[in-house]
Amino acid sequence: MTFASPPSDSPLGKTTVYNHPYDPGLLFPILRAEKRAELGITSSLPFFGMDVWNAYEVSWLNLRGKPQIAIATLQVPADSPKIVESKSLKLYLNSLNQTRVASLEAFSDLLRNDVSAAVGASVQVRLSGPDEFGRLGMGELEGLLLDRLDIEVDSYRPDPALLSANRDEAAVEEKLVSHLLKSNCLVTNQPDWASVQIHYVGPAIHQEGLLRYLIGFREHQEFHEQCVERIFMDLLRQCVPSKLMVLARYTRRGGIDINPWRSNFSLSKMPSNARNARQ
């Protein structure tokens, strides 16, 4: 895995001092290129998409020193050259806790500029203040639940050979959902839990094999974004759908949840950012 800085500089797995003054240098960027090369992505991307981050522990001071709070949603485009390691984003946000900022809009601009500089692309930021909290919705992923299948599992590594589709019959359009996706942090091996939705048009994917494949991430070490891209590429190659979208909604860690999605067809709108019950 290639980092934009040496792995020894990462805040992961280390005792942390949380009284930093404001410091955008706390953001730890990670290059996407090497993991994508593992998947055979070396030139143009076979998908577009977004990494949607929701940060629930966001606070700063107004110019009179009174604390302000918000929920921050950051949208990092999939074609950015880098991602940001999640603990470093938490440390960066904590460094703003005692920082005086003139307005909600000025704080949003600050986040946008700092995170955009870290990932090397324009990041969208939305701040929801307390007056909006009651309007923030919840919802579960739509689709046929794969977890209903009574299967036997004996492998906990992702195996693309488990994926297949019925190419002898007419194409179908389906949304398939599982809540059994678990992967592990690439650096600390801490568990990451997610629900995943697969929306495709093409030969009918064999559902038992797909569920076994998704459960196969259970001992796999990659960051959230990389897992979603691996699922996308394995499905694209093994099942050859004409249209494919993969969305994962990971549970929050350190007050932040990460929700990557990748698609190769035009969506009428972005996937909903309504958090699910586990988030």
Protein backbone atom coordinates (compact mmCIF):
# COMPACT_ATOMS: atom_id res chain seq x y z
CA MET A 1 0.00 0.00 0.00
CA THR A 2 1.44 3.37 -1.00
CA PHE A 3 0.94 6.26 1.39
CA ALA A 4 1.57 9.91 0.55
CA SER A 5 3.80 9.87 3.66
CA PRO A 6 5.62 6.97 5.35
CA PRO A 7 3.24 4.59 7.18
CA SER A 8 5.19 5.24 10.38
CA ASP A 9 3.82 8.80 10.29
CA SER A 10 0.20 7.61 10.34
CA PRO A 11 -1.75 8.31 13.56
CA LEU A 12 -3.32 4.83 13.41
CA GLY A 13 -2.51 2.52 16.28
CA LYS A 14 -0.76 5.21 18.32
CA THR A 15 -1.55 7.03 21.56
CA THR A 16 -2.89 10.43 20.61
CA VAL A 17 -2.84 13.86 22.21
CA TYR A 18 -6.16 15.56 21.53
CA ASN A 19 -5.39 19.16 22.47
CA HIS A 20 -3.79 20.12 19.15
CA PRO A 21 -4.36 23.67 17.92
CA TYR A 22 -5.93 23.93 14.47
CA ASP A 23 -3.65 22.00 12.12
CA PRO A 24 -4.60 20.92 8.58
CA GLY A 25 -1.29 19.03 8.52
CA LEU A 26 -2.97 16.37 10.67
CA LEU A 27 -4.82 15.12 7.57
CA PHE A 28 -2.98 11.99 6.41
CA PRO A 29 -3.38 11.39 2.65
CA ILE A 30 -3.18 7.94 1.05
CA LEU A 31 -2.65 7.43 -2.68
CA ARG A 32 -5.34 5.43 -4.46
CA ALA A 33 -3.09 4.29 -7.32
CA GLU A 34 -1.36 1.21 -5.90
CA LYS A 35 -4.52 -0.54 -4.69
CA ARG A 36 -6.20 0.26 -7.99
CA ALA A 37 -3.23 -1.24 -9.84
CA GLU A 38 -3.86 -4.47 -7.89
CA LEU A 39 -7.33 -4.48 -9.43
CA GLY A 40 -5.98 -3.88 -12.93
CA ILE A 41 -7.02 -0.22 -12.98
CA THR A 42 -3.99 1.56 -14.42
CA SER A 43 -5.42 4.17 -16.79
CA SER A 44 -8.94 5.56 -17.09
CA LEU A 45 -11.36 4.60 -14.35
CA PRO A 46 -14.10 2.09 -15.27
CA PHE A 47 -16.46 3.84 -12.84
CA PHE A 48 -17.38 7.16 -11.34
CA GLY A 49 -18.61 7.78 -7.84
CA MET A 50 -18.11 9.38 -4.48
CA ASP A 51 -16.91 8.67 -0.98
CA VAL A 52 -19.51 10.25 1.32
CA TRP A 53 -18.19 10.94 4.83
CA ASN A 54 -20.50 11.93 7.69
CA ALA A 55 -18.80 13.40 10.75
CA TYR A 56 -21.02 13.66 13.82
CA GLU A 57 -18.55 15.16 16.32
CA VAL A 58 -17.86 18.55 14.77
CA SER A 59 -17.47 21.64 16.94
CA TRP A 60 -15.75 25.02 16.90
CA LEU A 61 -16.09 28.42 18.61
CA ASN A 62 -17.81 31.51 17.27
CA LEU A 63 -16.02 34.85 17.52
CA ARG A 64 -17.36 35.34 21.07
CA GLY A 65 -15.99 31.98 22.17
CA LYS A 66 -19.32 30.14 22.29
CA PRO A 67 -19.17 26.51 21.08
CA GLN A 68 -20.94 25.67 17.83
CA ILE A 69 -21.86 22.17 16.63
CA ALA A 70 -22.83 20.59 13.32
CA ILE A 71 -22.93 17.34 11.40
CA ALA A 72 -20.55 17.56 8.46
CA THR A 73 -21.05 15.68 5.21
CA LEU A 74 -18.02 15.57 2.92
CA GLN A 75 -18.17 14.25 -0.64
CA VAL A 76 -14.80 13.12 -1.98
CA PRO A 77 -14.88 12.31 -5.72
CA ALA A 78 -13.74 8.84 -6.73
CA ASP A 79 -11.30 10.32 -9.25
CA SER A 80 -9.33 12.16 -6.55
CA PRO A 81 -5.72 10.91 -6.49
CA LYS A 82 -5.81 10.43 -2.71
CA ILE A 83 -8.08 9.56 0.16
CA VAL A 84 -7.68 10.68 3.77
CA GLU A 85 -7.18 8.18 6.58
CA SER A 86 -10.20 8.40 8.89
CA LYS A 87 -8.43 8.79 12.24
CA SER A 88 -6.44 11.68 10.81
CA LEU A 89 -9.71 13.36 9.80
CA LYS A 90 -10.96 12.91 13.36
CA LEU A 91 -7.76 14.48 14.75
CA TYR A 92 -8.03 17.33 12.27
CA LEU A 93 -11.64 18.01 13.25
CA ASN A 94 -10.68 17.89 16.94
CA SER A 95 -7.98 20.47 16.29
CA LEU A 96 -10.78 22.88 15.38
CA ASN A 97 -12.62 22.54 18.70
CA GLN A 98 -11.01 25.64 20.22
CA THR A 99 -10.72 27.59 16.96
CA ARG A 100 -12.79 30.76 16.54
CA VAL A 101 -14.53 31.02 13.18
CA ALA A 102 -16.78 33.85 12.03
CA SER A 103 -19.73 31.82 10.69
CA LEU A 104 -21.08 28.46 9.63
CA GLU A 105 -20.23 29.36 6.05
CA ALA A 106 -16.64 30.28 6.96
CA PHE A 107 -16.22 26.98 8.82
CA SER A 108 -17.57 25.08 5.79
CA ASP A 109 -15.10 26.89 3.53
CA LEU A 110 -12.27 25.99 5.91
CA LEU A 111 -13.14 22.29 5.82
CA ARG A 112 -13.57 22.33 2.06
CA ASN A 113 -10.22 23.98 1.42
CA ASP A 114 -8.25 21.79 3.82
CA VAL A 115 -9.69 18.41 2.80
CA SER A 116 -9.58 19.32 -0.90
CA ALA A 117 -5.89 20.12 -0.57
CA ALA A 118 -5.27 16.79 1.19
CA VAL A 119 -7.01 14.60 -1.42
CA GLY A 120 -5.94 16.64 -4.46
CA ALA A 121 -9.47 17.30 -5.74
CA SER A 122 -12.46 19.50 -5.06
CA VAL A 123 -14.44 18.21 -2.06
CA GLN A 124 -18.03 19.23 -1.37
CA VAL A 125 -18.96 20.04 2.23
CA ARG A 126 -22.38 20.42 3.81
CA LEU A 127 -22.87 21.39 7.44
CA SER A 128 -26.17 20.58 9.15
CA GLY A 129 -26.74 22.72 12.23
CA PRO A 130 -28.91 21.81 15.23
CA ASP A 131 -31.97 23.40 13.63
CA GLU A 132 -31.77 20.75 10.89
CA PHE A 133 -31.08 17.67 13.03
CA GLY A 134 -34.76 16.71 13.23
CA ARG A 135 -35.03 16.69 9.45
CA LEU A 136 -32.11 14.33 8.85
CA GLY A 137 -33.67 11.08 7.77
CA MET A 138 -32.90 7.43 8.38
CA GLY A 139 -33.52 4.56 5.99
CA GLU A 140 -32.39 1.10 4.97
CA LEU A 141 -30.95 0.11 1.63
CA GLU A 142 -33.57 -0.96 -0.90
CA GLY A 143 -33.30 -4.39 -2.50
CA LEU A 144 -33.68 -8.14 -2.18
CA LEU A 145 -31.96 -9.33 0.99
CA LEU A 146 -29.23 -11.89 0.27
CA ASP A 147 -28.91 -12.68 3.98
CA ARG A 148 -32.12 -14.73 3.82
CA LEU A 149 -30.19 -17.52 2.06
CA ASP A 150 -29.26 -20.54 4.19
CA ILE A 151 -25.72 -21.14 2.97
CA GLU A 152 -22.62 -22.88 4.24
CA VAL A 153 -19.46 -20.76 4.40
CA ASP A 154 -15.93 -22.04 4.86
CA SER A 155 -13.78 -19.26 3.37
CA TYR A 156 -13.28 -15.76 4.73
CA ARG A 157 -11.15 -14.26 1.96
CA PRO A 158 -12.76 -12.60 -1.09
CA ASP A 159 -12.74 -15.11 -3.94
CA PRO A 160 -13.92 -13.78 -7.34
CA ALA A 161 -14.37 -17.38 -8.54
CA LEU A 162 -17.50 -17.54 -6.35
CA LEU A 163 -19.17 -14.98 -8.62
CA SER A 164 -21.13 -16.13 -11.66
CA ALA A 165 -24.20 -15.22 -13.67
CA ASN A 166 -26.71 -16.99 -15.90
CA ARG A 167 -25.72 -15.77 -19.34
CA ASP A 168 -28.13 -18.09 -21.15
CA GLU A 169 -31.21 -16.13 -20.12
CA ALA A 170 -32.48 -12.60 -20.69
CA ALA A 171 -30.90 -9.75 -18.77
CA VAL A 172 -32.50 -8.63 -15.52
CA GLU A 173 -32.35 -5.50 -13.39
CA GLU A 174 -31.95 -6.12 -9.67
CA LYS A 175 -30.98 -4.48 -6.42
CA LEU A 176 -29.40 -6.93 -3.99
CA VAL A 177 -28.57 -6.08 -0.37
CA SER A 178 -26.50 -7.67 2.38
CA HIS A 179 -25.76 -6.51 5.92
CA LEU A 180 -23.00 -9.12 6.36
CA LEU A 181 -20.07 -7.20 4.87
CA LYS A 182 -17.20 -7.01 7.32
CA SER A 183 -13.66 -6.03 6.44
CA ASN A 184 -10.68 -4.97 8.52
CA CYS A 185 -8.57 -1.83 8.65
CA LEU A 186 -5.47 -2.14 6.51
CA VAL A 187 -3.21 -0.75 9.25
CA THR A 188 -4.73 -1.75 12.62
CA ASN A 189 -6.84 -4.79 11.58
CA GLN A 190 -9.76 -3.33 13.54
CA PRO A 191 -13.14 -4.54 12.18
CA ASP A 192 -15.20 -2.39 9.81
CA TRP A 193 -18.91 -3.26 9.47
CA ALA A 194 -21.13 -2.37 6.54
CA SER A 195 -24.31 -2.91 4.59
CA VAL A 196 -23.90 -3.17 0.82
CA GLN A 197 -26.25 -2.63 -2.10
CA ILE A 198 -25.54 -3.94 -5.61
CA HIS A 199 -27.69 -2.51 -8.41
CA TYR A 200 -27.09 -4.05 -11.82
CA VAL A 201 -28.52 -4.76 -15.27
CA GLY A 202 -27.31 -7.92 -16.97
CA PRO A 203 -27.28 -11.71 -16.64
CA ALA A 204 -28.87 -12.78 -13.35
CA ILE A 205 -26.14 -13.05 -10.72
CA HIS A 206 -26.15 -16.29 -8.73
CA GLN A 207 -27.11 -15.05 -5.31
CA GLU A 208 -25.62 -17.77 -3.11
CA GLY A 209 -22.20 -17.30 -4.70
CA LEU A 210 -22.50 -13.53 -4.31
CA LEU A 211 -23.33 -13.83 -0.62
CA ARG A 212 -20.40 -16.21 -0.04
CA TYR A 213 -18.16 -13.74 -1.87
CA LEU A 214 -19.28 -10.80 0.29
CA ILE A 215 -18.86 -12.79 3.50
CA GLY A 216 -15.38 -13.59 2.20
CA PHE A 217 -14.24 -10.07 3.12
CA ARG A 218 -14.54 -11.02 6.79
CA GLU A 219 -10.78 -11.46 7.29
CA HIS A 220 -9.71 -9.15 4.45
CA GLN A 221 -7.66 -6.01 5.17
CA GLU A 222 -8.44 -2.93 3.08
CA PHE A 223 -9.87 0.52 3.59
CA HIS A 224 -13.59 1.04 2.93
CA GLU A 225 -13.11 2.69 -0.47
CA GLN A 226 -10.80 -0.09 -1.65
CA CYS A 227 -13.23 -2.85 -0.64
CA VAL A 228 -16.03 -1.26 -2.65
CA GLU A 229 -13.81 -0.92 -5.71
CA ARG A 230 -12.71 -4.56 -5.37
CA ILE A 231 -16.34 -5.70 -5.23
CA PHE A 232 -17.17 -3.55 -8.25
CA MET A 233 -14.29 -4.84 -10.37
CA ASP A 234 -14.81 -8.51 -9.43
CA LEU A 235 -18.52 -8.31 -10.30
CA LEU A 236 -17.78 -6.46 -13.55
CA ARG A 237 -15.29 -9.10 -14.70
CA GLN A 238 -16.99 -12.26 -13.44
CA CYS A 239 -20.64 -11.44 -14.16
CA VAL A 240 -20.30 -8.91 -17.04
CA PRO A 241 -23.31 -6.69 -16.24
CA SER A 242 -23.99 -3.88 -18.70
CA LYS A 243 -24.75 -1.57 -15.76
CA LEU A 244 -23.36 -1.82 -12.24
CA MET A 245 -23.48 0.24 -9.06
CA VAL A 246 -22.00 -0.80 -5.70
CA LEU A 247 -22.75 1.18 -2.54
CA ALA A 248 -21.53 0.38 0.98
CA ARG A 249 -22.63 2.15 4.14
CA TYR A 250 -20.11 1.51 6.91
CA THR A 251 -20.88 1.97 10.58
CA ARG A 252 -19.24 4.94 12.24
CA ARG A 253 -15.92 4.77 13.99
CA GLY A 254 -14.54 7.74 15.92
CA GLY A 255 -17.69 9.69 15.18
CA ILE A 256 -17.31 9.27 11.38
CA ASP A 257 -19.01 6.96 8.90
CA ILE A 258 -17.76 6.41 5.34
CA ASN A 259 -20.08 5.48 2.49
CA PRO A 260 -18.36 4.82 -0.86
CA TRP A 261 -20.29 4.17 -4.06
CA ARG A 262 -19.10 3.35 -7.56
CA SER A 263 -21.16 3.17 -10.76
CA ASN A 264 -20.64 2.82 -14.51
CA PHE A 265 -24.04 4.16 -15.53
CA SER A 266 -25.78 7.47 -15.09
CA LEU A 267 -27.88 7.66 -11.94
CA SER A 268 -30.90 9.95 -11.80
CA LYS A 269 -29.51 11.19 -8.50
CA MET A 270 -26.85 10.29 -5.97
CA PRO A 271 -27.68 7.44 -3.60
CA SER A 272 -29.49 8.59 -0.49
CA ASN A 273 -27.31 9.64 2.42
CA ALA A 274 -29.96 8.62 4.95
CA ARG A 275 -28.12 6.69 7.68
CA ASN A 276 -29.25 3.19 8.48
CA ALA A 277 -30.04 1.70 11.88
CA ARG A 278 -26.46 0.57 12.55
CA GLN A 279 -24.96 3.94 11.74
